[in-house]
Amino acid sequence: VCADPVVILESRLDFSKYVPNGFGTGDCLIIAEPVLDVIDLK
């Protein structure tokens, strides 16, 4: 669906707009307009 999707591994994610001082680490993100994948390894 997207010619040039972007893959980001182990990125710092800031969600402090919703949770005070909230941040964490995303294992894998894939951005392929119009979809954003968020993948977590357990």
Full PDB file with SEQRES, HELIX, SHEET, SSBOND, CRYST1, ORIGX, SCALE, CONECT and MASTER records, all heavy atoms in Angstrom:
SEQRES   1 A   42  VAL CYS ALA ASP PRO VAL VAL ILE LEU GLU SER ARG LEU          
SEQRES   2 A   42  ASP PHE SER LYS TYR VAL PRO ASN GLY PHE GLY THR GLY          
SEQRES   3 A   42  ASP CYS LEU ILE ILE ALA GLU PRO VAL LEU ASP VAL ILE          
SEQRES   4 A   42  ASP LEU LYS                                                  
SHEET    1 AA1 3 VAL A   6  ASP A  14  0                                        
SHEET    2 AA1 3 PHE A  23  ALA A  32 -1                                        
SHEET    3 AA1 3 VAL A  35  ILE A  39 -1                                        
CRYST1    1.000    1.000    1.000  90.00  90.00  90.00 P 1           1          
ORIGX1      1.000000  0.000000  0.000000        0.00000                         
ORIGX2      0.000000  1.000000  0.000000        0.00000                         
ORIGX3      0.000000  0.000000  1.000000        0.00000                         
SCALE1      1.000000  0.000000  0.000000        0.00000                         
SCALE2      0.000000  1.000000  0.000000        0.00000                         
SCALE3      0.000000  0.000000  1.000000        0.00000                         
ATOM      1  N   VAL A   1       0.817  -1.219   0.000  1.00  0.00           N  
ATOM      2  CA  VAL A   1       0.000   0.000   0.000  1.00  0.00           C  
ATOM      3  C   VAL A   1       0.848   1.266   0.000  1.00  0.00           C  
ATOM      4  O   VAL A   1       0.323   2.368  -0.156  1.00  0.00           O  
ATOM      5  CB  VAL A   1      -0.944   0.027   1.222  1.00  0.00           C  
ATOM      6  CG1 VAL A   1      -1.947  -1.115   1.152  1.00  0.00           C  
ATOM      7  CG2 VAL A   1      -0.160  -0.023   2.525  1.00  0.00           C  
ATOM      8  N   CYS A   2       2.162   1.093   0.208  1.00  0.00           N  
ATOM      9  CA  CYS A   2       3.040   2.265   0.278  1.00  0.00           C  
ATOM     10  C   CYS A   2       4.370   1.916  -0.371  1.00  0.00           C  
ATOM     11  O   CYS A   2       4.977   0.895  -0.048  1.00  0.00           O  
ATOM     12  CB  CYS A   2       3.242   2.675   1.737  1.00  0.00           C  
ATOM     13  SG  CYS A   2       4.355   4.082   1.975  1.00  0.00           S  
ATOM     14  N   ALA A   3       4.833   2.750  -1.280  1.00  0.00           N  
ATOM     15  CA  ALA A   3       6.053   2.452  -2.029  1.00  0.00           C  
ATOM     16  C   ALA A   3       7.309   2.525  -1.160  1.00  0.00           C  
ATOM     17  O   ALA A   3       8.286   1.817  -1.418  1.00  0.00           O  
ATOM     18  CB  ALA A   3       6.175   3.417  -3.209  1.00  0.00           C  
ATOM     19  N   ASP A   4       7.286   3.379  -0.159  1.00  0.00           N  
ATOM     20  CA  ASP A   4       8.495   3.571   0.649  1.00  0.00           C  
ATOM     21  C   ASP A   4       8.179   3.599   2.143  1.00  0.00           C  
ATOM     22  O   ASP A   4       8.313   4.642   2.792  1.00  0.00           O  
ATOM     23  CB  ASP A   4       9.207   4.859   0.230  1.00  0.00           C  
ATOM     24  CG  ASP A   4       8.272   6.061   0.273  1.00  0.00           C  
ATOM     25  OD1 ASP A   4       7.044   5.861   0.436  1.00  0.00           O  
ATOM     26  OD2 ASP A   4       8.764   7.203   0.169  1.00  0.00           O  
ATOM     27  N   PRO A   5       7.743   2.474   2.713  1.00  0.00           N  
ATOM     28  CA  PRO A   5       7.455   2.435   4.150  1.00  0.00           C  
ATOM     29  C   PRO A   5       8.720   2.658   4.974  1.00  0.00           C  
ATOM     30  O   PRO A   5       9.835   2.373   4.518  1.00  0.00           O  
ATOM     31  CB  PRO A   5       6.897   1.025   4.364  1.00  0.00           C  
ATOM     32  CG  PRO A   5       7.469   0.220   3.252  1.00  0.00           C  
ATOM     33  CD  PRO A   5       7.549   1.151   2.088  1.00  0.00           C  
ATOM     34  N   VAL A   6       8.533   3.164   6.179  1.00  0.00           N  
ATOM     35  CA  VAL A   6       9.649   3.453   7.073  1.00  0.00           C  
ATOM     36  C   VAL A   6       9.582   2.504   8.258  1.00  0.00           C  
ATOM     37  O   VAL A   6       8.518   2.298   8.855  1.00  0.00           O  
ATOM     38  CB  VAL A   6       9.583   4.916   7.576  1.00  0.00           C  
ATOM     39  CG1 VAL A   6      10.730   5.201   8.536  1.00  0.00           C  
ATOM     40  CG2 VAL A   6       9.623   5.887   6.395  1.00  0.00           C  
ATOM     41  N   VAL A   7      10.727   1.897   8.597  1.00  0.00           N  
ATOM     42  CA  VAL A   7      10.816   1.001   9.750  1.00  0.00           C  
ATOM     43  C   VAL A   7      11.720   1.634  10.796  1.00  0.00           C  
ATOM     44  O   VAL A   7      12.844   2.054  10.484  1.00  0.00           O  
ATOM     45  CB  VAL A   7      11.372  -0.383   9.369  1.00  0.00           C  
ATOM     46  CG1 VAL A   7      11.394  -1.297  10.590  1.00  0.00           C  
ATOM     47  CG2 VAL A   7      10.555  -0.998   8.252  1.00  0.00           C  
ATOM     48  N   ILE A   8      11.245   1.714  12.027  1.00  0.00           N  
ATOM     49  CA  ILE A   8      12.030   2.282  13.128  1.00  0.00           C  
ATOM     50  C   ILE A   8      12.056   1.276  14.270  1.00  0.00           C  
ATOM     51  O   ILE A   8      10.995   0.851  14.766  1.00  0.00           O  
ATOM     52  CB  ILE A   8      11.448   3.613  13.637  1.00  0.00           C  
ATOM     53  CG1 ILE A   8      11.249   4.604  12.476  1.00  0.00           C  
ATOM     54  CG2 ILE A   8      12.336   4.225  14.711  1.00  0.00           C  
ATOM     55  CD1 ILE A   8       9.844   4.715  11.994  1.00  0.00           C  
ATOM     56  N   LEU A   9      13.257   0.895  14.678  1.00  0.00           N  
ATOM     57  CA  LEU A   9      13.422  -0.052  15.773  1.00  0.00           C  
ATOM     58  C   LEU A   9      13.876   0.668  17.039  1.00  0.00           C  
ATOM     59  O   LEU A   9      14.696   1.580  16.980  1.00  0.00           O  
ATOM     60  CB  LEU A   9      14.445  -1.132  15.411  1.00  0.00           C  
ATOM     61  CG  LEU A   9      14.145  -1.979  14.183  1.00  0.00           C  
ATOM     62  CD1 LEU A   9      15.285  -2.981  13.955  1.00  0.00           C  
ATOM     63  CD2 LEU A   9      12.822  -2.721  14.327  1.00  0.00           C  
ATOM     64  N   GLU A  10      13.356   0.234  18.172  1.00  0.00           N  
ATOM     65  CA  GLU A  10      13.787   0.725  19.480  1.00  0.00           C  
ATOM     66  C   GLU A  10      13.790   2.251  19.540  1.00  0.00           C  
ATOM     67  O   GLU A  10      14.812   2.895  19.754  1.00  0.00           O  
ATOM     68  CB  GLU A  10      15.167   0.175  19.827  1.00  0.00           C  
ATOM     69  CG  GLU A  10      15.212  -1.327  19.966  1.00  0.00           C  
ATOM     70  CD  GLU A  10      14.302  -1.841  21.090  1.00  0.00           C  
ATOM     71  OE1 GLU A  10      14.309  -1.264  22.195  1.00  0.00           O  
ATOM     72  OE2 GLU A  10      13.580  -2.829  20.838  1.00  0.00           O  
ATOM     73  N   SER A  11      12.625   2.842  19.387  1.00  0.00           N  
ATOM     74  CA  SER A  11      12.516   4.304  19.408  1.00  0.00           C  
ATOM     75  C   SER A  11      11.884   4.774  20.718  1.00  0.00           C  
ATOM     76  O   SER A  11      10.984   4.127  21.266  1.00  0.00           O  
ATOM     77  CB  SER A  11      11.669   4.795  18.231  1.00  0.00           C  
ATOM     78  OG  SER A  11      10.388   4.198  18.250  1.00  0.00           O  
ATOM     79  N   ARG A  12      12.370   5.891  21.228  1.00  0.00           N  
ATOM     80  CA  ARG A  12      11.806   6.497  22.426  1.00  0.00           C  
ATOM     81  C   ARG A  12      10.489   7.162  22.060  1.00  0.00           C  
ATOM     82  O   ARG A  12      10.432   7.982  21.140  1.00  0.00           O  
ATOM     83  CB  ARG A  12      12.768   7.521  23.016  1.00  0.00           C  
ATOM     84  CG  ARG A  12      12.263   8.152  24.327  1.00  0.00           C  
ATOM     85  CD  ARG A  12      13.235   9.239  24.771  1.00  0.00           C  
ATOM     86  NE  ARG A  12      12.742   9.969  25.921  1.00  0.00           N  
ATOM     87  CZ  ARG A  12      12.995   9.663  27.188  1.00  0.00           C  
ATOM     88  NH1 ARG A  12      13.756   8.617  27.465  1.00  0.00           N  
ATOM     89  NH2 ARG A  12      12.517  10.383  28.181  1.00  0.00           N  
ATOM     90  N   LEU A  13       9.439   6.815  22.775  1.00  0.00           N  
ATOM     91  CA  LEU A  13       8.111   7.330  22.474  1.00  0.00           C  
ATOM     92  C   LEU A  13       7.610   8.168  23.644  1.00  0.00           C  
ATOM     93  O   LEU A  13       7.526   7.696  24.774  1.00  0.00           O  
ATOM     94  CB  LEU A  13       7.145   6.167  22.205  1.00  0.00           C  
ATOM     95  CG  LEU A  13       7.544   5.246  21.045  1.00  0.00           C  
ATOM     96  CD1 LEU A  13       6.574   4.080  20.935  1.00  0.00           C  
ATOM     97  CD2 LEU A  13       7.613   6.018  19.730  1.00  0.00           C  
ATOM     98  N   ASP A  14       7.290   9.401  23.362  1.00  0.00           N  
ATOM     99  CA  ASP A  14       6.851  10.363  24.371  1.00  0.00           C  
ATOM    100  C   ASP A  14       5.333  10.519  24.288  1.00  0.00           C  
ATOM    101  O   ASP A  14       4.808  10.987  23.283  1.00  0.00           O  
ATOM    102  CB  ASP A  14       7.556  11.697  24.105  1.00  0.00           C  
ATOM    103  CG  ASP A  14       7.190  12.779  25.117  1.00  0.00           C  
ATOM    104  OD1 ASP A  14       6.196  12.614  25.845  1.00  0.00           O  
ATOM    105  OD2 ASP A  14       7.899  13.796  25.157  1.00  0.00           O  
ATOM    106  N   PHE A  15       4.638  10.086  25.343  1.00  0.00           N  
ATOM    107  CA  PHE A  15       3.185  10.261  25.372  1.00  0.00           C  
ATOM    108  C   PHE A  15       2.779  11.181  26.521  1.00  0.00           C  
ATOM    109  O   PHE A  15       1.699  11.060  27.094  1.00  0.00           O  
ATOM    110  CB  PHE A  15       2.468   8.901  25.467  1.00  0.00           C  
ATOM    111  CG  PHE A  15       3.049   7.942  26.471  1.00  0.00           C  
ATOM    112  CD1 PHE A  15       2.674   7.983  27.810  1.00  0.00           C  
ATOM    113  CD2 PHE A  15       3.964   6.982  26.078  1.00  0.00           C  
ATOM    114  CE1 PHE A  15       3.200   7.100  28.725  1.00  0.00           C  
ATOM    115  CE2 PHE A  15       4.508   6.089  26.989  1.00  0.00           C  
ATOM    116  CZ  PHE A  15       4.118   6.142  28.319  1.00  0.00           C  
ATOM    117  N   SER A  16       3.678  12.139  26.852  1.00  0.00           N  
ATOM    118  CA  SER A  16       3.452  13.034  27.984  1.00  0.00           C  
ATOM    119  C   SER A  16       2.306  14.018  27.749  1.00  0.00           C  
ATOM    120  O   SER A  16       1.852  14.679  28.691  1.00  0.00           O  
ATOM    121  CB  SER A  16       4.731  13.803  28.315  1.00  0.00           C  
ATOM    122  OG  SER A  16       5.183  14.555  27.195  1.00  0.00           O  
ATOM    123  N   LYS A  17       1.836  14.129  26.522  1.00  0.00           N  
ATOM    124  CA  LYS A  17       0.671  14.974  26.254  1.00  0.00           C  
ATOM    125  C   LYS A  17      -0.554  14.432  26.976  1.00  0.00           C  
ATOM    126  O   LYS A  17      -1.470  15.182  27.326  1.00  0.00           O  
ATOM    127  CB  LYS A  17       0.405  15.040  24.744  1.00  0.00           C  
ATOM    128  CG  LYS A  17      -0.797  15.894  24.364  1.00  0.00           C  
ATOM    129  CD  LYS A  17      -0.987  15.944  22.861  1.00  0.00           C  
ATOM    130  CE  LYS A  17      -2.211  16.783  22.496  1.00  0.00           C  
ATOM    131  NZ  LYS A  17      -2.416  16.829  21.023  1.00  0.00           N  
ATOM    132  N   TYR A  18      -0.549  13.139  27.238  1.00  0.00           N  
ATOM    133  CA  TYR A  18      -1.699  12.486  27.859  1.00  0.00           C  
ATOM    134  C   TYR A  18      -1.397  11.981  29.273  1.00  0.00           C  
ATOM    135  O   TYR A  18      -2.295  11.902  30.110  1.00  0.00           O  
ATOM    136  CB  TYR A  18      -2.151  11.305  26.989  1.00  0.00           C  
ATOM    137  CG  TYR A  18      -2.355  11.705  25.549  1.00  0.00           C  
ATOM    138  CD1 TYR A  18      -1.348  11.521  24.594  1.00  0.00           C  
ATOM    139  CD2 TYR A  18      -3.540  12.299  25.141  1.00  0.00           C  
ATOM    140  CE1 TYR A  18      -1.523  11.910  23.279  1.00  0.00           C  
ATOM    141  CE2 TYR A  18      -3.721  12.698  23.820  1.00  0.00           C  
ATOM    142  CZ  TYR A  18      -2.707  12.505  22.902  1.00  0.00           C  
ATOM    143  OH  TYR A  18      -2.879  12.912  21.596  1.00  0.00           O  
ATOM    144  N   VAL A  19      -0.136  11.634  29.514  1.00  0.00           N  
ATOM    145  CA  VAL A  19       0.294  11.084  30.803  1.00  0.00           C  
ATOM    146  C   VAL A  19       1.481  11.896  31.285  1.00  0.00           C  
ATOM    147  O   VAL A  19       2.496  11.964  30.579  1.00  0.00           O  
ATOM    148  CB  VAL A  19       0.708   9.598  30.652  1.00  0.00           C  
ATOM    149  CG1 VAL A  19       1.250   9.052  31.967  1.00  0.00           C  
ATOM    150  CG2 VAL A  19      -0.473   8.766  30.172  1.00  0.00           C  
ATOM    151  N   PRO A  20       1.402  12.534  32.453  1.00  0.00           N  
ATOM    152  CA  PRO A  20       2.505  13.387  32.909  1.00  0.00           C  
ATOM    153  C   PRO A  20       3.855  12.670  32.875  1.00  0.00           C  
ATOM    154  O   PRO A  20       4.014  11.592  33.441  1.00  0.00           O  
ATOM    155  CB  PRO A  20       2.105  13.739  34.348  1.00  0.00           C  
ATOM    156  CG  PRO A  20       0.608  13.662  34.347  1.00  0.00           C  
ATOM    157  CD  PRO A  20       0.282  12.524  33.421  1.00  0.00           C  
ATOM    158  N   ASN A  21       4.802  13.275  32.182  1.00  0.00           N  
ATOM    159  CA  ASN A  21       6.167  12.750  32.058  1.00  0.00           C  
ATOM    160  C   ASN A  21       6.192  11.334  31.481  1.00  0.00           C  
ATOM    161  O   ASN A  21       7.138  10.576  31.717  1.00  0.00           O  
ATOM    162  CB  ASN A  21       6.889  12.757  33.409  1.00  0.00           C  
ATOM    163  CG  ASN A  21       7.106  14.157  33.942  1.00  0.00           C  
ATOM    164  OD1 ASN A  21       6.997  15.138  33.214  1.00  0.00           O  
ATOM    165  ND2 ASN A  21       7.410  14.272  35.227  1.00  0.00           N  
ATOM    166  N   GLY A  22       5.186  10.983  30.721  1.00  0.00           N  
ATOM    167  CA  GLY A  22       5.088   9.628  30.192  1.00  0.00           C  
ATOM    168  C   GLY A  22       5.945   9.394  28.964  1.00  0.00           C  
ATOM    169  O   GLY A  22       5.920  10.172  28.010  1.00  0.00           O  
ATOM    170  N   PHE A  23       6.735   8.328  29.004  1.00  0.00           N  
ATOM    171  CA  PHE A  23       7.534   7.936  27.844  1.00  0.00           C  
ATOM    172  C   PHE A  23       7.840   6.443  27.950  1.00  0.00           C  
ATOM    173  O   PHE A  23       7.691   5.828  29.009  1.00  0.00           O  
ATOM    174  CB  PHE A  23       8.841   8.732  27.766  1.00  0.00           C  
ATOM    175  CG  PHE A  23       9.777   8.483  28.915  1.00  0.00           C  
ATOM    176  CD1 PHE A  23      10.718   7.470  28.868  1.00  0.00           C  
ATOM    177  CD2 PHE A  23       9.713   9.262  30.055  1.00  0.00           C  
ATOM    178  CE1 PHE A  23      11.589   7.238  29.925  1.00  0.00           C  
ATOM    179  CE2 PHE A  23      10.567   9.041  31.128  1.00  0.00           C  
ATOM    180  CZ  PHE A  23      11.508   8.023  31.064  1.00  0.00           C  
ATOM    181  N   GLY A  24       8.246   5.872  26.844  1.00  0.00           N  
ATOM    182  CA  GLY A  24       8.603   4.456  26.817  1.00  0.00           C  
ATOM    183  C   GLY A  24       9.382   4.158  25.555  1.00  0.00           C  
ATOM    184  O   GLY A  24       9.753   5.067  24.799  1.00  0.00           O  
ATOM    185  N   THR A  25       9.645   2.891  25.312  1.00  0.00           N  
ATOM    186  CA  THR A  25      10.411   2.476  24.139  1.00  0.00           C  
ATOM    187  C   THR A  25       9.570   1.556  23.265  1.00  0.00           C  
ATOM    188  O   THR A  25       9.057   0.540  23.739  1.00  0.00           O  
ATOM    189  CB  THR A  25      11.701   1.742  24.551  1.00  0.00           C  
ATOM    190  OG1 THR A  25      12.495   2.607  25.359  1.00  0.00           O  
ATOM    191  CG2 THR A  25      12.500   1.330  23.321  1.00  0.00           C  
ATOM    192  N   GLY A  26       9.439   1.936  22.004  1.00  0.00           N  
ATOM    193  CA  GLY A  26       8.701   1.109  21.057  1.00  0.00           C  
ATOM    194  C   GLY A  26       9.644   0.131  20.380  1.00  0.00           C  
ATOM    195  O   GLY A  26      10.682   0.535  19.846  1.00  0.00           O  
ATOM    196  N   ASP A  27       9.312  -1.149  20.405  1.00  0.00           N  
ATOM    197  CA  ASP A  27      10.188  -2.155  19.806  1.00  0.00           C  
ATOM    198  C   ASP A  27      10.307  -1.978  18.296  1.00  0.00           C  
ATOM    199  O   ASP A  27      11.390  -2.043  17.729  1.00  0.00           O  
ATOM    200  CB  ASP A  27       9.682  -3.566  20.129  1.00  0.00           C  
ATOM    201  CG  ASP A  27       9.821  -3.903  21.599  1.00  0.00           C  
ATOM    202  OD1 ASP A  27      10.691  -3.306  22.268  1.00  0.00           O  
ATOM    203  OD2 ASP A  27       9.058  -4.757  22.082  1.00  0.00           O  
ATOM    204  N   CYS A  28       9.171  -1.755  17.644  1.00  0.00           N  
ATOM    205  CA  CYS A  28       9.207  -1.586  16.182  1.00  0.00           C  
ATOM    206  C   CYS A  28       8.010  -0.766  15.715  1.00  0.00           C  
ATOM    207  O   CYS A  28       6.875  -1.009  16.142  1.00  0.00           O  
ATOM    208  CB  CYS A  28       9.191  -2.947  15.487  1.00  0.00           C  
ATOM    209  SG  CYS A  28       9.194  -2.835  13.676  1.00  0.00           S  
ATOM    210  N   LEU A  29       8.289   0.185  14.861  1.00  0.00           N  
ATOM    211  CA  LEU A  29       7.242   0.972  14.201  1.00  0.00           C  
ATOM    212  C   LEU A  29       7.423   0.815  12.701  1.00  0.00           C  
ATOM    213  O   LEU A  29       8.544   0.809  12.192  1.00  0.00           O  
ATOM    214  CB  LEU A  29       7.346   2.456  14.561  1.00  0.00           C  
ATOM    215  CG  LEU A  29       7.368   2.851  16.033  1.00  0.00           C  
ATOM    216  CD1 LEU A  29       7.551   4.366  16.162  1.00  0.00           C  
ATOM    217  CD2 LEU A  29       6.092   2.410  16.727  1.00  0.00           C  
ATOM    218  N   ILE A  30       6.307   0.676  11.997  1.00  0.00           N  
ATOM    219  CA  ILE A  30       6.332   0.672  10.534  1.00  0.00           C  
ATOM    220  C   ILE A  30       5.321   1.710  10.066  1.00  0.00           C  
ATOM    221  O   ILE A  30       4.132   1.616  10.397  1.00  0.00           O  
ATOM    222  CB  ILE A  30       5.978  -0.708   9.952  1.00  0.00           C  
ATOM    223  CG1 ILE A  30       6.974  -1.764  10.429  1.00  0.00           C  
ATOM    224  CG2 ILE A  30       5.961  -0.647   8.424  1.00  0.00           C  
ATOM    225  CD1 ILE A  30       6.635  -3.177   9.963  1.00  0.00           C  
ATOM    226  N   ILE A  31       5.796   2.681   9.334  1.00  0.00           N  
ATOM    227  CA  ILE A  31       4.918   3.735   8.826  1.00  0.00           C  
ATOM    228  C   ILE A  31       4.757   3.544   7.331  1.00  0.00           C  
ATOM    229  O   ILE A  31       5.720   3.621   6.567  1.00  0.00           O  
ATOM    230  CB  ILE A  31       5.490   5.130   9.117  1.00  0.00           C  
ATOM    231  CG1 ILE A  31       5.760   5.287  10.617  1.00  0.00           C  
ATOM    232  CG2 ILE A  31       4.510   6.209   8.643  1.00  0.00           C  
ATOM    233  CD1 ILE A  31       6.496   6.559  10.974  1.00  0.00           C  
ATOM    234  N   ALA A  32       3.531   3.256   6.952  1.00  0.00           N  
ATOM    235  CA  ALA A  32       3.206   3.059   5.537  1.00  0.00           C  
ATOM    236  C   ALA A  32       1.874   3.749   5.301  1.00  0.00           C  
ATOM    237  O   ALA A  32       0.817   3.154   5.512  1.00  0.00           O  
ATOM    238  CB  ALA A  32       3.128   1.578   5.190  1.00  0.00           C  
ATOM    239  N   GLU A  33       1.955   5.004   4.907  1.00  0.00           N  
ATOM    240  CA  GLU A  33       0.726   5.785   4.745  1.00  0.00           C  
ATOM    241  C   GLU A  33      -0.350   4.991   4.002  1.00  0.00           C  
ATOM    242  O   GLU A  33      -0.063   4.396   2.974  1.00  0.00           O  
ATOM    243  CB  GLU A  33       1.038   7.067   3.968  1.00  0.00           C  
ATOM    244  CG  GLU A  33       2.122   7.931   4.601  1.00  0.00           C  
ATOM    245  CD  GLU A  33       2.524   9.073   3.702  1.00  0.00           C  
ATOM    246  OE1 GLU A  33       1.621   9.770   3.185  1.00  0.00           O  
ATOM    247  OE2 GLU A  33       3.727   9.247   3.489  1.00  0.00           O  
ATOM    248  N   PRO A  34      -1.547   4.910   4.594  1.00  0.00           N  
ATOM    249  CA  PRO A  34      -2.058   5.679   5.736  1.00  0.00           C  
ATOM    250  C   PRO A  34      -2.014   4.924   7.073  1.00  0.00           C  
ATOM    251  O   PRO A  34      -2.737   5.286   7.997  1.00  0.00           O  
ATOM    252  CB  PRO A  34      -3.514   5.908   5.321  1.00  0.00           C  
ATOM    253  CG  PRO A  34      -3.877   4.620   4.627  1.00  0.00           C  
ATOM    254  CD  PRO A  34      -2.622   4.179   3.908  1.00  0.00           C  
ATOM    255  N   VAL A  35      -1.168   3.890   7.175  1.00  0.00           N  
ATOM    256  CA  VAL A  35      -1.184   3.020   8.359  1.00  0.00           C  
ATOM    257  C   VAL A  35       0.121   3.145   9.155  1.00  0.00           C  
ATOM    258  O   VAL A  35       1.211   3.214   8.574  1.00  0.00           O  
ATOM    259  CB  VAL A  35      -1.391   1.540   7.950  1.00  0.00           C  
ATOM    260  CG1 VAL A  35      -1.414   0.645   9.179  1.00  0.00           C  
ATOM    261  CG2 VAL A  35      -2.679   1.377   7.156  1.00  0.00           C  
ATOM    262  N   LEU A  36      -0.023   3.155  10.465  1.00  0.00           N  
ATOM    263  CA  LEU A  36       1.108   3.102  11.380  1.00  0.00           C  
ATOM    264  C   LEU A  36       1.014   1.799  12.161  1.00  0.00           C  
ATOM    265  O   LEU A  36       0.021   1.550  12.845  1.00  0.00           O  
ATOM    266  CB  LEU A  36       1.068   4.291  12.340  1.00  0.00           C  
ATOM    267  CG  LEU A  36       1.946   4.209  13.593  1.00  0.00           C  
ATOM    268  CD1 LEU A  36       3.419   4.194  13.220  1.00  0.00           C  
ATOM    269  CD2 LEU A  36       1.643   5.363  14.542  1.00  0.00           C  
ATOM    270  N   ASP A  37       2.035   0.959  12.024  1.00  0.00           N  
ATOM    271  CA  ASP A  37       2.120  -0.281  12.804  1.00  0.00           C  
ATOM    272  C   ASP A  37       2.955  -0.040  14.057  1.00  0.00           C  
ATOM    273  O   ASP A  37       4.028   0.573  13.985  1.00  0.00           O  
ATOM    274  CB  ASP A  37       2.802  -1.393  11.997  1.00  0.00           C  
ATOM    275  CG  ASP A  37       1.859  -2.086  11.032  1.00  0.00           C  
ATOM    276  OD1 ASP A  37       0.714  -1.642  10.900  1.00  0.00           O  
ATOM    277  OD2 ASP A  37       2.283  -3.073  10.400  1.00  0.00           O  
ATOM    278  N   VAL A  38       2.461  -0.524  15.185  1.00  0.00           N  
ATOM    279  CA  VAL A  38       3.226  -0.505  16.435  1.00  0.00           C  
ATOM    280  C   VAL A  38       3.327  -1.953  16.899  1.00  0.00           C  
ATOM    281  O   VAL A  38       2.321  -2.594  17.178  1.00  0.00           O  
ATOM    282  CB  VAL A  38       2.535   0.351  17.514  1.00  0.00           C  
ATOM    283  CG1 VAL A  38       3.363   0.358  18.799  1.00  0.00           C  
ATOM    284  CG2 VAL A  38       2.312   1.779  17.012  1.00  0.00           C  
ATOM    285  N   ILE A  39       4.561  -2.469  16.947  1.00  0.00           N  
ATOM    286  CA  ILE A  39       4.774  -3.892  17.249  1.00  0.00           C  
ATOM    287  C   ILE A  39       5.571  -4.024  18.535  1.00  0.00           C  
ATOM    288  O   ILE A  39       6.617  -3.387  18.702  1.00  0.00           O  
ATOM    289  CB  ILE A  39       5.508  -4.590  16.091  1.00  0.00           C  
ATOM    290  CG1 ILE A  39       4.708  -4.429  14.785  1.00  0.00           C  
ATOM    291  CG2 ILE A  39       5.736  -6.064  16.407  1.00  0.00           C  
ATOM    292  CD1 ILE A  39       5.451  -4.867  13.546  1.00  0.00           C  
ATOM    293  N   ASP A  40       5.080  -4.844  19.447  1.00  0.00           N  
ATOM    294  CA  ASP A  40       5.745  -5.030  20.738  1.00  0.00           C  
ATOM    295  C   ASP A  40       6.097  -6.499  20.921  1.00  0.00           C  
ATOM    296  O   ASP A  40       5.248  -7.377  20.752  1.00  0.00           O  
ATOM    297  CB  ASP A  40       4.825  -4.563  21.873  1.00  0.00           C  
ATOM    298  CG  ASP A  40       5.553  -4.469  23.204  1.00  0.00           C  
ATOM    299  OD1 ASP A  40       6.610  -3.825  23.261  1.00  0.00           O  
ATOM    300  OD2 ASP A  40       5.066  -5.042  24.201  1.00  0.00           O  
ATOM    301  N   LEU A  41       7.350  -6.745  21.265  1.00  0.00           N  
ATOM    302  CA  LEU A  41       7.814  -8.105  21.518  1.00  0.00           C  
ATOM    303  C   LEU A  41       7.624  -8.443  22.991  1.00  0.00           C  
ATOM    304  O   LEU A  41       8.066  -7.710  23.867  1.00  0.00           O  
ATOM    305  CB  LEU A  41       9.294  -8.230  21.155  1.00  0.00           C  
ATOM    306  CG  LEU A  41       9.999  -9.529  21.568  1.00  0.00           C  
ATOM    307  CD1 LEU A  41       9.404 -10.715  20.830  1.00  0.00           C  
ATOM    308  CD2 LEU A  41      11.497  -9.418  21.323  1.00  0.00           C  
ATOM    309  N   LYS A  42       6.952  -9.552  23.253  1.00  0.00           N  
ATOM    310  CA  LYS A  42       6.800 -10.074  24.612  1.00  0.00           C  
ATOM    311  C   LYS A  42       7.509 -11.426  24.656  1.00  0.00           C  
ATOM    312  O   LYS A  42       7.091 -12.371  23.986  1.00  0.00           O  
ATOM    313  CB  LYS A  42       5.317 -10.249  24.967  1.00  0.00           C  
ATOM    314  CG  LYS A  42       4.486  -8.974  24.927  1.00  0.00           C  
ATOM    315  CD  LYS A  42       4.858  -8.018  26.023  1.00  0.00           C  
ATOM    316  CE  LYS A  42       3.891  -6.834  26.063  1.00  0.00           C  
ATOM    317  NZ  LYS A  42       4.365  -5.797  27.016  1.00  0.00           N  
TER     318      LYS A  42                                                      
MASTER        0    0    0    0    3    0    0    6  317    1    0    4          
END                                                                             
